[in-house]
N, C-alpha and C. Protein backbone atom coordinates (compact mmCIF):
# COMPACT_ATOMS: atom_id res chain seq x y z
N MET A 1 -37.51 -6.44 -15.33
CA MET A 1 -36.49 -6.97 -14.44
C MET A 1 -35.62 -5.80 -13.99
N PRO A 2 -35.47 -5.64 -12.67
CA PRO A 2 -34.67 -4.52 -12.19
C PRO A 2 -33.19 -4.72 -12.51
N ARG A 3 -32.52 -3.61 -12.83
CA ARG A 3 -31.08 -3.67 -13.15
C ARG A 3 -30.27 -3.83 -11.87
N ALA A 4 -29.29 -4.67 -11.95
CA ALA A 4 -28.41 -4.83 -10.80
C ALA A 4 -27.62 -3.55 -10.60
N LYS A 5 -27.48 -3.21 -9.34
CA LYS A 5 -26.70 -2.01 -9.03
C LYS A 5 -25.24 -2.28 -9.40
N SER A 6 -24.69 -1.32 -10.11
CA SER A 6 -23.27 -1.49 -10.43
C SER A 6 -22.43 -1.09 -9.23
N ARG A 7 -21.42 -1.90 -8.99
CA ARG A 7 -20.52 -1.60 -7.87
C ARG A 7 -19.58 -0.50 -8.27
N PRO A 8 -19.32 0.43 -7.36
CA PRO A 8 -18.37 1.48 -7.70
C PRO A 8 -16.99 0.87 -7.94
N ALA A 9 -16.28 1.44 -8.89
CA ALA A 9 -14.93 0.96 -9.18
C ALA A 9 -14.05 1.13 -7.95
N ARG A 10 -13.21 0.16 -7.71
CA ARG A 10 -12.30 0.22 -6.57
C ARG A 10 -11.34 1.39 -6.75
N GLN A 11 -11.26 2.20 -5.75
CA GLN A 11 -10.36 3.36 -5.83
C GLN A 11 -8.92 2.89 -5.66
N ARG A 12 -8.09 3.39 -6.52
CA ARG A 12 -6.68 3.06 -6.45
C ARG A 12 -5.98 4.14 -5.63
N ASN A 13 -5.18 3.76 -4.69
CA ASN A 13 -4.42 4.71 -3.89
C ASN A 13 -3.08 4.90 -4.60
N ALA A 14 -2.97 5.99 -5.31
CA ALA A 14 -1.79 6.24 -6.15
C ALA A 14 -0.50 6.26 -5.33
N ALA A 15 -0.53 6.91 -4.18
CA ALA A 15 0.68 7.01 -3.36
C ALA A 15 1.10 5.63 -2.85
N ALA A 16 0.13 4.83 -2.41
CA ALA A 16 0.46 3.49 -1.91
C ALA A 16 0.95 2.59 -3.03
N THR A 17 0.34 2.70 -4.21
CA THR A 17 0.78 1.90 -5.35
C THR A 17 2.20 2.26 -5.75
N ARG A 18 2.47 3.54 -5.81
CA ARG A 18 3.81 4.02 -6.17
C ARG A 18 4.84 3.53 -5.15
N ALA A 19 4.50 3.63 -3.87
CA ALA A 19 5.40 3.19 -2.81
C ALA A 19 5.66 1.68 -2.90
N ALA A 20 4.62 0.90 -3.21
CA ALA A 20 4.78 -0.56 -3.33
C ALA A 20 5.68 -0.91 -4.51
N ILE A 21 5.53 -0.18 -5.61
CA ILE A 21 6.40 -0.42 -6.77
C ILE A 21 7.84 -0.09 -6.43
N LEU A 22 8.07 1.04 -5.77
CA LEU A 22 9.45 1.42 -5.39
C LEU A 22 10.06 0.40 -4.44
N GLN A 23 9.28 -0.05 -3.47
CA GLN A 23 9.79 -1.04 -2.52
C GLN A 23 10.16 -2.34 -3.25
N SER A 24 9.30 -2.78 -4.15
CA SER A 24 9.59 -3.98 -4.93
C SER A 24 10.82 -3.79 -5.80
N ALA A 25 10.94 -2.60 -6.40
CA ALA A 25 12.10 -2.31 -7.25
C ALA A 25 13.39 -2.32 -6.44
N ARG A 26 13.36 -1.72 -5.28
CA ARG A 26 14.56 -1.71 -4.44
C ARG A 26 15.01 -3.13 -4.10
N ARG A 27 14.05 -3.97 -3.74
CA ARG A 27 14.39 -5.38 -3.43
C ARG A 27 14.94 -6.09 -4.66
N ALA A 28 14.30 -5.89 -5.81
CA ALA A 28 14.74 -6.58 -7.03
C ALA A 28 16.11 -6.10 -7.48
N PHE A 29 16.35 -4.79 -7.45
CA PHE A 29 17.65 -4.26 -7.86
C PHE A 29 18.75 -4.67 -6.88
N ALA A 30 18.42 -4.75 -5.59
CA ALA A 30 19.41 -5.19 -4.60
C ALA A 30 19.77 -6.66 -4.80
N ARG A 31 18.79 -7.46 -5.22
CA ARG A 31 19.04 -8.89 -5.42
C ARG A 31 19.74 -9.19 -6.74
N ALA A 32 19.31 -8.51 -7.83
CA ALA A 32 19.78 -8.89 -9.16
C ALA A 32 20.45 -7.78 -9.95
N GLY A 33 20.50 -6.57 -9.42
CA GLY A 33 21.09 -5.46 -10.16
C GLY A 33 20.17 -4.94 -11.24
N TYR A 34 20.62 -3.89 -11.91
CA TYR A 34 19.81 -3.24 -12.93
C TYR A 34 19.47 -4.20 -14.07
N ASP A 35 20.48 -4.86 -14.61
CA ASP A 35 20.25 -5.74 -15.77
C ASP A 35 19.48 -7.00 -15.42
N GLY A 36 19.61 -7.47 -14.18
CA GLY A 36 18.97 -8.73 -13.80
C GLY A 36 17.54 -8.61 -13.33
N ALA A 37 17.12 -7.41 -12.98
CA ALA A 37 15.75 -7.21 -12.49
C ALA A 37 14.86 -6.77 -13.64
N GLY A 38 13.75 -7.45 -13.81
CA GLY A 38 12.82 -7.12 -14.89
C GLY A 38 11.61 -6.35 -14.38
N VAL A 39 11.02 -5.57 -15.26
CA VAL A 39 9.84 -4.79 -14.89
C VAL A 39 8.69 -5.70 -14.48
N ARG A 40 8.52 -6.83 -15.15
CA ARG A 40 7.44 -7.76 -14.78
C ARG A 40 7.65 -8.31 -13.37
N GLU A 41 8.90 -8.65 -13.06
CA GLU A 41 9.20 -9.14 -11.71
C GLU A 41 8.90 -8.07 -10.67
N ILE A 42 9.31 -6.84 -10.95
CA ILE A 42 9.06 -5.73 -10.03
C ILE A 42 7.55 -5.52 -9.86
N ALA A 43 6.84 -5.56 -10.98
CA ALA A 43 5.38 -5.40 -10.93
C ALA A 43 4.75 -6.50 -10.09
N GLY A 44 5.17 -7.74 -10.31
CA GLY A 44 4.64 -8.86 -9.54
C GLY A 44 4.88 -8.69 -8.05
N GLY A 45 6.08 -8.21 -7.69
CA GLY A 45 6.39 -7.98 -6.28
C GLY A 45 5.53 -6.91 -5.65
N ALA A 46 5.02 -6.00 -6.47
CA ALA A 46 4.17 -4.92 -5.96
C ALA A 46 2.69 -5.25 -6.11
N GLY A 47 2.37 -6.37 -6.77
CA GLY A 47 0.98 -6.75 -6.97
C GLY A 47 0.26 -5.91 -8.02
N VAL A 48 1.04 -5.46 -9.01
CA VAL A 48 0.45 -4.64 -10.09
C VAL A 48 0.93 -5.21 -11.43
N THR A 49 0.50 -4.59 -12.52
CA THR A 49 0.93 -5.02 -13.84
C THR A 49 2.15 -4.20 -14.28
N ALA A 50 2.88 -4.75 -15.23
CA ALA A 50 4.04 -4.03 -15.79
C ALA A 50 3.59 -2.72 -16.44
N MET A 51 2.40 -2.72 -17.02
CA MET A 51 1.88 -1.52 -17.64
C MET A 51 1.70 -0.41 -16.59
N LEU A 52 1.28 -0.79 -15.40
CA LEU A 52 1.10 0.20 -14.34
C LEU A 52 2.46 0.74 -13.86
N VAL A 53 3.46 -0.13 -13.81
CA VAL A 53 4.81 0.33 -13.45
C VAL A 53 5.26 1.39 -14.45
N ASN A 54 5.07 1.11 -15.73
CA ASN A 54 5.46 2.07 -16.76
C ASN A 54 4.65 3.35 -16.69
N ARG A 55 3.39 3.24 -16.32
CA ARG A 55 2.55 4.45 -16.20
C ARG A 55 3.08 5.35 -15.08
N TYR A 56 3.50 4.73 -13.97
CA TYR A 56 3.98 5.52 -12.83
C TYR A 56 5.39 6.07 -13.04
N PHE A 57 6.25 5.30 -13.71
CA PHE A 57 7.66 5.68 -13.79
C PHE A 57 8.17 5.95 -15.20
N GLY A 58 7.45 5.54 -16.21
CA GLY A 58 7.84 5.85 -17.57
C GLY A 58 8.84 4.92 -18.20
N SER A 59 9.83 4.49 -17.44
CA SER A 59 10.86 3.59 -17.97
C SER A 59 11.57 2.90 -16.81
N LYS A 60 12.27 1.84 -17.14
CA LYS A 60 13.05 1.12 -16.13
C LYS A 60 14.16 2.03 -15.60
N GLU A 61 14.76 2.86 -16.46
CA GLU A 61 15.81 3.77 -16.02
C GLU A 61 15.30 4.75 -14.98
N ARG A 62 14.13 5.32 -15.23
CA ARG A 62 13.57 6.28 -14.26
C ARG A 62 13.19 5.58 -12.97
N LEU A 63 12.68 4.36 -13.07
CA LEU A 63 12.36 3.59 -11.87
C LEU A 63 13.63 3.30 -11.08
N PHE A 64 14.69 2.91 -11.77
CA PHE A 64 15.97 2.65 -11.10
C PHE A 64 16.47 3.91 -10.40
N ALA A 65 16.43 5.04 -11.10
CA ALA A 65 16.91 6.30 -10.52
C ALA A 65 16.13 6.64 -9.25
N GLU A 66 14.82 6.47 -9.28
CA GLU A 66 14.03 6.77 -8.09
C GLU A 66 14.28 5.77 -6.97
N ALA A 67 14.46 4.50 -7.33
CA ALA A 67 14.74 3.49 -6.32
C ALA A 67 16.08 3.76 -5.65
N VAL A 68 17.09 4.14 -6.44
CA VAL A 68 18.41 4.45 -5.88
C VAL A 68 18.32 5.70 -5.00
N ALA A 69 17.66 6.74 -5.48
CA ALA A 69 17.53 7.98 -4.71
C ALA A 69 16.82 7.72 -3.38
N GLU A 70 15.75 6.93 -3.42
CA GLU A 70 15.03 6.61 -2.18
C GLU A 70 15.90 5.78 -1.25
N SER A 71 16.65 4.84 -1.81
CA SER A 71 17.54 4.02 -1.00
C SER A 71 18.62 4.88 -0.34
N MET A 72 19.15 5.85 -1.10
CA MET A 72 20.17 6.75 -0.54
C MET A 72 19.60 7.59 0.60
N ALA A 73 18.35 7.97 0.47
CA ALA A 73 17.73 8.80 1.50
C ALA A 73 17.45 8.02 2.78
N THR A 74 17.24 6.71 2.65
CA THR A 74 16.85 5.92 3.82
C THR A 74 17.97 5.04 4.37
N THR A 75 18.99 4.76 3.58
CA THR A 75 20.12 3.96 4.09
C THR A 75 21.39 4.76 3.85
N SER A 76 21.70 5.61 4.79
CA SER A 76 22.83 6.54 4.65
C SER A 76 24.16 5.81 4.68
N VAL A 77 25.10 6.35 3.94
CA VAL A 77 26.47 5.83 3.96
C VAL A 77 27.28 6.72 4.90
N LEU A 78 26.87 6.77 6.14
CA LEU A 78 27.57 7.51 7.19
C LEU A 78 27.60 9.01 6.97
N GLY A 79 26.81 9.53 6.03
CA GLY A 79 26.80 10.97 5.79
C GLY A 79 26.58 11.80 7.04
N PRO A 80 25.53 11.50 7.83
CA PRO A 80 25.31 12.29 9.04
C PRO A 80 26.46 12.19 10.03
N GLU A 81 27.06 11.02 10.13
CA GLU A 81 28.20 10.84 11.05
C GLU A 81 29.39 11.69 10.62
N ILE A 82 29.62 11.77 9.31
CA ILE A 82 30.76 12.51 8.79
C ILE A 82 30.53 14.01 8.86
N THR A 83 29.30 14.45 8.61
CA THR A 83 29.04 15.89 8.49
C THR A 83 28.61 16.56 9.80
N ARG A 84 28.42 15.81 10.86
CA ARG A 84 28.01 16.46 12.10
C ARG A 84 29.18 17.26 12.67
N ALA A 85 28.83 18.29 13.43
CA ALA A 85 29.87 19.14 14.03
C ALA A 85 30.74 18.31 14.96
N GLY A 86 32.03 18.52 14.87
CA GLY A 86 32.97 17.80 15.73
C GLY A 86 33.17 16.35 15.36
N ALA A 87 32.89 15.99 14.11
CA ALA A 87 33.06 14.60 13.67
C ALA A 87 34.50 14.16 13.91
N SER A 88 34.65 12.91 14.28
CA SER A 88 36.00 12.37 14.49
C SER A 88 36.18 11.11 13.66
N GLY A 89 37.42 10.86 13.28
CA GLY A 89 37.73 9.66 12.52
C GLY A 89 37.36 8.39 13.27
N GLN A 90 37.56 8.39 14.59
CA GLN A 90 37.24 7.21 15.39
C GLN A 90 35.74 6.93 15.38
N ALA A 91 34.93 7.98 15.48
CA ALA A 91 33.48 7.80 15.48
C ALA A 91 33.00 7.29 14.11
N ILE A 92 33.57 7.84 13.04
CA ILE A 92 33.19 7.39 11.70
C ILE A 92 33.62 5.94 11.50
N ALA A 93 34.83 5.61 11.93
CA ALA A 93 35.33 4.24 11.82
C ALA A 93 34.44 3.28 12.60
N ALA A 94 34.07 3.65 13.82
CA ALA A 94 33.22 2.78 14.64
C ALA A 94 31.87 2.56 13.98
N ALA A 95 31.30 3.62 13.40
CA ALA A 95 30.01 3.49 12.71
C ALA A 95 30.13 2.58 11.49
N LEU A 96 31.20 2.75 10.72
CA LEU A 96 31.42 1.91 9.53
C LEU A 96 31.61 0.45 9.93
N ILE A 97 32.38 0.22 10.95
CA ILE A 97 32.61 -1.15 11.42
C ILE A 97 31.29 -1.76 11.89
N GLY A 98 30.47 -0.94 12.54
CA GLY A 98 29.18 -1.41 13.04
C GLY A 98 28.20 -1.82 11.96
N ILE A 99 28.25 -1.16 10.79
CA ILE A 99 27.28 -1.50 9.73
C ILE A 99 27.83 -2.50 8.72
N THR A 100 29.06 -2.98 8.94
CA THR A 100 29.64 -3.91 7.96
C THR A 100 30.05 -5.24 8.59
N LYS A 101 29.36 -5.66 9.63
CA LYS A 101 29.68 -6.96 10.22
C LYS A 101 29.49 -8.04 9.17
N ALA A 102 30.42 -8.97 9.13
CA ALA A 102 30.40 -10.02 8.10
C ALA A 102 29.10 -10.82 8.12
N GLU A 103 28.54 -11.01 9.31
CA GLU A 103 27.32 -11.83 9.39
C GLU A 103 26.05 -11.06 9.05
N ASP A 104 26.15 -9.75 8.91
CA ASP A 104 24.98 -8.93 8.56
C ASP A 104 24.83 -8.80 7.05
N ILE A 105 23.60 -8.52 6.63
CA ILE A 105 23.32 -8.29 5.21
C ILE A 105 23.77 -6.87 4.87
N PRO A 106 24.51 -6.69 3.79
CA PRO A 106 24.94 -5.33 3.42
C PRO A 106 23.75 -4.40 3.21
N LEU A 107 23.97 -3.12 3.43
CA LEU A 107 22.91 -2.14 3.23
C LEU A 107 22.36 -2.24 1.81
N GLU A 108 21.08 -2.02 1.69
CA GLU A 108 20.40 -2.17 0.41
C GLU A 108 21.02 -1.31 -0.70
N GLY A 109 21.29 -0.06 -0.41
CA GLY A 109 21.88 0.83 -1.42
C GLY A 109 23.21 0.30 -1.93
N PHE A 110 24.01 -0.25 -1.03
CA PHE A 110 25.30 -0.83 -1.41
C PHE A 110 25.08 -2.03 -2.32
N GLN A 111 24.11 -2.87 -1.98
CA GLN A 111 23.82 -4.05 -2.81
C GLN A 111 23.37 -3.63 -4.21
N ILE A 112 22.53 -2.60 -4.28
CA ILE A 112 22.06 -2.13 -5.58
C ILE A 112 23.24 -1.65 -6.42
N MET A 113 24.13 -0.86 -5.82
CA MET A 113 25.29 -0.34 -6.56
C MET A 113 26.23 -1.47 -6.98
N LEU A 114 26.50 -2.37 -6.06
CA LEU A 114 27.41 -3.48 -6.34
C LEU A 114 26.91 -4.35 -7.49
N ARG A 115 25.63 -4.67 -7.48
CA ARG A 115 25.07 -5.58 -8.48
C ARG A 115 24.70 -4.89 -9.79
N SER A 116 24.76 -3.55 -9.79
CA SER A 116 24.39 -2.80 -11.00
C SER A 116 25.58 -2.12 -11.66
N ALA A 117 26.74 -2.17 -11.05
CA ALA A 117 27.90 -1.39 -11.53
C ALA A 117 28.34 -1.76 -12.94
N SER A 118 28.09 -2.98 -13.39
CA SER A 118 28.54 -3.39 -14.72
C SER A 118 27.64 -2.85 -15.84
N SER A 119 26.50 -2.31 -15.49
CA SER A 119 25.60 -1.73 -16.48
C SER A 119 25.94 -0.26 -16.69
N GLU A 120 26.24 0.12 -17.92
CA GLU A 120 26.59 1.51 -18.20
C GLU A 120 25.44 2.45 -17.85
N ARG A 121 24.20 2.06 -18.17
CA ARG A 121 23.05 2.89 -17.83
C ARG A 121 22.95 3.09 -16.32
N ALA A 122 23.02 1.99 -15.59
CA ALA A 122 22.92 2.07 -14.13
C ALA A 122 24.08 2.86 -13.54
N ALA A 123 25.29 2.65 -14.07
CA ALA A 123 26.46 3.37 -13.55
C ALA A 123 26.32 4.87 -13.77
N ARG A 124 25.79 5.25 -14.91
CA ARG A 124 25.58 6.68 -15.20
C ARG A 124 24.60 7.29 -14.20
N ILE A 125 23.51 6.60 -13.95
CA ILE A 125 22.50 7.07 -13.00
C ILE A 125 23.09 7.14 -11.60
N ALA A 126 23.76 6.06 -11.18
CA ALA A 126 24.34 6.01 -9.84
C ALA A 126 25.40 7.08 -9.64
N ARG A 127 26.24 7.28 -10.63
CA ARG A 127 27.29 8.30 -10.55
C ARG A 127 26.69 9.67 -10.26
N LYS A 128 25.65 10.00 -11.01
CA LYS A 128 25.00 11.31 -10.85
C LYS A 128 24.37 11.43 -9.45
N LEU A 129 23.69 10.38 -9.01
CA LEU A 129 23.01 10.44 -7.71
C LEU A 129 24.00 10.45 -6.55
N ILE A 130 25.05 9.66 -6.64
CA ILE A 130 26.07 9.64 -5.58
C ILE A 130 26.73 11.01 -5.49
N ALA A 131 27.08 11.59 -6.63
CA ALA A 131 27.72 12.91 -6.64
C ALA A 131 26.78 13.96 -6.04
N ARG A 132 25.50 13.89 -6.41
CA ARG A 132 24.53 14.89 -5.97
C ARG A 132 24.16 14.73 -4.49
N HIS A 133 24.08 13.50 -4.02
CA HIS A 133 23.63 13.27 -2.65
C HIS A 133 24.80 13.11 -1.68
N HIS A 134 25.41 11.94 -1.68
CA HIS A 134 26.43 11.63 -0.69
C HIS A 134 27.66 12.52 -0.82
N GLN A 135 28.24 12.56 -1.99
CA GLN A 135 29.51 13.27 -2.14
C GLN A 135 29.36 14.77 -1.88
N LYS A 136 28.32 15.37 -2.40
CA LYS A 136 28.11 16.81 -2.20
C LYS A 136 27.85 17.12 -0.73
N ARG A 137 27.00 16.32 -0.10
CA ARG A 137 26.69 16.56 1.32
C ARG A 137 27.95 16.46 2.18
N ILE A 138 28.76 15.46 1.92
CA ILE A 138 29.99 15.30 2.69
C ILE A 138 30.95 16.44 2.38
N ALA A 139 31.14 16.76 1.10
CA ALA A 139 32.06 17.83 0.71
C ALA A 139 31.63 19.16 1.31
N ASP A 140 30.33 19.44 1.33
CA ASP A 140 29.84 20.69 1.90
C ASP A 140 30.13 20.81 3.39
N GLY A 141 30.28 19.66 4.06
CA GLY A 141 30.57 19.67 5.49
C GLY A 141 32.04 19.70 5.83
N LEU A 142 32.90 19.59 4.82
CA LEU A 142 34.35 19.58 5.08
C LEU A 142 34.93 20.98 4.94
N GLN A 143 35.89 21.28 5.77
CA GLN A 143 36.64 22.53 5.69
C GLN A 143 37.93 22.28 4.93
N GLY A 144 38.51 23.33 4.40
CA GLY A 144 39.82 23.20 3.75
C GLY A 144 39.72 22.91 2.27
N SER A 145 40.89 22.70 1.69
CA SER A 145 40.98 22.51 0.24
C SER A 145 40.64 21.08 -0.17
N LEU A 146 40.34 20.93 -1.44
CA LEU A 146 40.05 19.63 -2.06
C LEU A 146 38.92 18.87 -1.37
N ALA A 147 37.92 19.61 -0.91
CA ALA A 147 36.81 18.98 -0.17
C ALA A 147 36.09 17.95 -1.03
N ALA A 148 35.85 18.26 -2.30
CA ALA A 148 35.14 17.31 -3.17
C ALA A 148 35.94 16.02 -3.33
N GLN A 149 37.25 16.16 -3.51
CA GLN A 149 38.09 14.98 -3.68
C GLN A 149 38.19 14.19 -2.38
N ARG A 150 38.30 14.87 -1.26
CA ARG A 150 38.36 14.18 0.03
C ARG A 150 37.05 13.43 0.29
N ALA A 151 35.93 14.05 -0.06
CA ALA A 151 34.64 13.38 0.10
C ALA A 151 34.57 12.14 -0.78
N GLY A 152 35.07 12.25 -2.01
CA GLY A 152 35.09 11.11 -2.91
C GLY A 152 35.95 9.98 -2.39
N VAL A 153 37.10 10.32 -1.81
CA VAL A 153 37.98 9.29 -1.24
C VAL A 153 37.32 8.64 -0.04
N MET A 154 36.61 9.43 0.77
CA MET A 154 35.88 8.83 1.91
C MET A 154 34.86 7.81 1.42
N LEU A 155 34.11 8.18 0.39
CA LEU A 155 33.12 7.25 -0.15
C LEU A 155 33.78 6.00 -0.73
N ALA A 156 34.92 6.18 -1.38
CA ALA A 156 35.64 5.02 -1.92
C ALA A 156 36.14 4.12 -0.80
N LEU A 157 36.62 4.73 0.26
CA LEU A 157 37.11 3.97 1.41
C LEU A 157 35.96 3.20 2.05
N ILE A 158 34.82 3.86 2.21
CA ILE A 158 33.65 3.21 2.80
C ILE A 158 33.18 2.04 1.93
N ALA A 159 33.04 2.28 0.62
CA ALA A 159 32.56 1.23 -0.29
C ALA A 159 33.55 0.07 -0.37
N GLY A 160 34.85 0.39 -0.47
CA GLY A 160 35.86 -0.66 -0.54
C GLY A 160 35.91 -1.50 0.72
N PHE A 161 35.78 -0.83 1.86
CA PHE A 161 35.78 -1.54 3.14
C PHE A 161 34.57 -2.46 3.22
N GLN A 162 33.39 -1.95 2.82
CA GLN A 162 32.19 -2.80 2.82
C GLN A 162 32.37 -4.02 1.93
N LEU A 163 32.89 -3.80 0.73
CA LEU A 163 33.08 -4.90 -0.21
C LEU A 163 34.01 -5.95 0.36
N MET A 164 35.16 -5.54 0.84
CA MET A 164 36.17 -6.50 1.31
C MET A 164 35.78 -7.18 2.62
N ARG A 165 35.11 -6.44 3.51
CA ARG A 165 34.77 -7.01 4.81
C ARG A 165 33.48 -7.81 4.78
N GLN A 166 32.46 -7.28 4.09
CA GLN A 166 31.14 -7.86 4.21
C GLN A 166 30.74 -8.76 3.04
N VAL A 167 31.23 -8.47 1.85
CA VAL A 167 30.85 -9.27 0.69
C VAL A 167 31.88 -10.37 0.43
N LEU A 168 33.14 -9.96 0.27
CA LEU A 168 34.19 -10.94 0.02
C LEU A 168 34.70 -11.61 1.30
N GLU A 169 34.40 -10.98 2.44
CA GLU A 169 34.80 -11.50 3.76
C GLU A 169 36.30 -11.79 3.83
N LEU A 170 37.11 -10.82 3.42
CA LEU A 170 38.56 -10.93 3.57
C LEU A 170 38.86 -11.16 5.04
N PRO A 171 39.51 -12.28 5.40
CA PRO A 171 39.68 -12.61 6.82
C PRO A 171 40.32 -11.51 7.65
N ALA A 172 41.28 -10.78 7.10
CA ALA A 172 41.94 -9.71 7.87
C ALA A 172 40.96 -8.63 8.30
N LEU A 173 39.85 -8.50 7.59
CA LEU A 173 38.83 -7.51 7.95
C LEU A 173 37.61 -8.17 8.58
N ALA A 174 37.15 -9.27 8.02
CA ALA A 174 35.92 -9.92 8.50
C ALA A 174 36.10 -10.53 9.89
N LYS A 175 37.28 -11.01 10.20
CA LYS A 175 37.51 -11.68 11.47
C LYS A 175 38.26 -10.81 12.49
N ALA A 176 38.57 -9.58 12.11
CA ALA A 176 39.34 -8.70 12.98
C ALA A 176 38.50 -8.17 14.13
N GLU A 177 39.17 -7.87 15.24
CA GLU A 177 38.51 -7.21 16.36
C GLU A 177 38.14 -5.80 15.94
N PRO A 178 36.95 -5.33 16.29
CA PRO A 178 36.54 -3.97 15.92
C PRO A 178 37.54 -2.90 16.35
N GLN A 179 38.16 -3.07 17.51
CA GLN A 179 39.13 -2.07 17.99
C GLN A 179 40.34 -2.00 17.08
N ALA A 180 40.77 -3.14 16.57
CA ALA A 180 41.93 -3.15 15.66
C ALA A 180 41.59 -2.43 14.36
N LEU A 181 40.39 -2.67 13.85
CA LEU A 181 39.98 -1.99 12.62
C LEU A 181 39.85 -0.48 12.84
N ALA A 182 39.27 -0.10 13.98
CA ALA A 182 39.11 1.33 14.29
C ALA A 182 40.47 2.00 14.42
N LYS A 183 41.44 1.28 14.93
CA LYS A 183 42.79 1.84 15.09
C LYS A 183 43.42 2.16 13.74
N VAL A 184 43.09 1.38 12.73
CA VAL A 184 43.61 1.61 11.38
C VAL A 184 42.78 2.65 10.64
N LEU A 185 41.45 2.51 10.72
CA LEU A 185 40.56 3.39 9.96
C LEU A 185 40.46 4.80 10.53
N GLY A 186 40.43 4.92 11.84
CA GLY A 186 40.23 6.21 12.48
C GLY A 186 41.17 7.30 11.98
N PRO A 187 42.49 7.05 11.99
CA PRO A 187 43.42 8.08 11.51
C PRO A 187 43.23 8.43 10.02
N LEU A 188 42.82 7.46 9.22
CA LEU A 188 42.57 7.75 7.80
C LEU A 188 41.42 8.74 7.66
N PHE A 189 40.34 8.49 8.39
CA PHE A 189 39.21 9.42 8.34
C PHE A 189 39.58 10.78 8.96
N ASP A 190 40.37 10.76 10.04
CA ASP A 190 40.80 12.03 10.63
C ASP A 190 41.56 12.88 9.62
N ARG A 191 42.44 12.23 8.88
CA ARG A 191 43.23 12.96 7.90
C ARG A 191 42.35 13.53 6.78
N LEU A 192 41.37 12.74 6.34
CA LEU A 192 40.45 13.22 5.31
C LEU A 192 39.55 14.34 5.83
N LEU A 193 39.15 14.24 7.08
CA LEU A 193 38.34 15.31 7.68
C LEU A 193 39.13 16.60 7.79
N ALA A 194 40.39 16.49 8.20
CA ALA A 194 41.21 17.68 8.43
C ALA A 194 41.68 18.33 7.14
N GLY A 195 41.87 17.53 6.11
CA GLY A 195 42.31 18.08 4.83
C GLY A 195 43.78 18.43 4.78
N ARG A 196 44.57 17.79 5.63
CA ARG A 196 46.01 18.06 5.59
C ARG A 196 46.69 17.03 4.71
């Protein structure tokens, strides 16, 4: 009796598998935060096993760190707007107002940070990545003294504004005319840009 030909094993595309896991992790962390998202759920969203997630990333912490880093790289917190030559407070304010409309879904990176902030592990990872990516990039683009602190205050202003306008929908911010908000925010950003 002739032997049946064995089918070649299906080739796994490592890059595509890794990308699918990261995409699933970003969605899960944005929805439930670090503590609420499980490796099995992330694996299921990527169509793989939890064992494969661990093989690619080693731990949930490392997966979270990579998901946050990738999210920061693809959903900027106005970094390019702030660091471009001739940046103005009005332009930064207009961009911030544009990405925080009450009826829009908050940026993924913001959702991940917001829903993960109560976890000490996640906060430690986020702190390091925010300092290394957003804060450093903004500080490097600022002239004058206290650039690191001014960059940190800009990030705090951006995050606080997003929280109050888009998540909590504080009526004074969520229902305000964009021009009124820009009139208040613009000079704050100008002052932080100038360093006076």
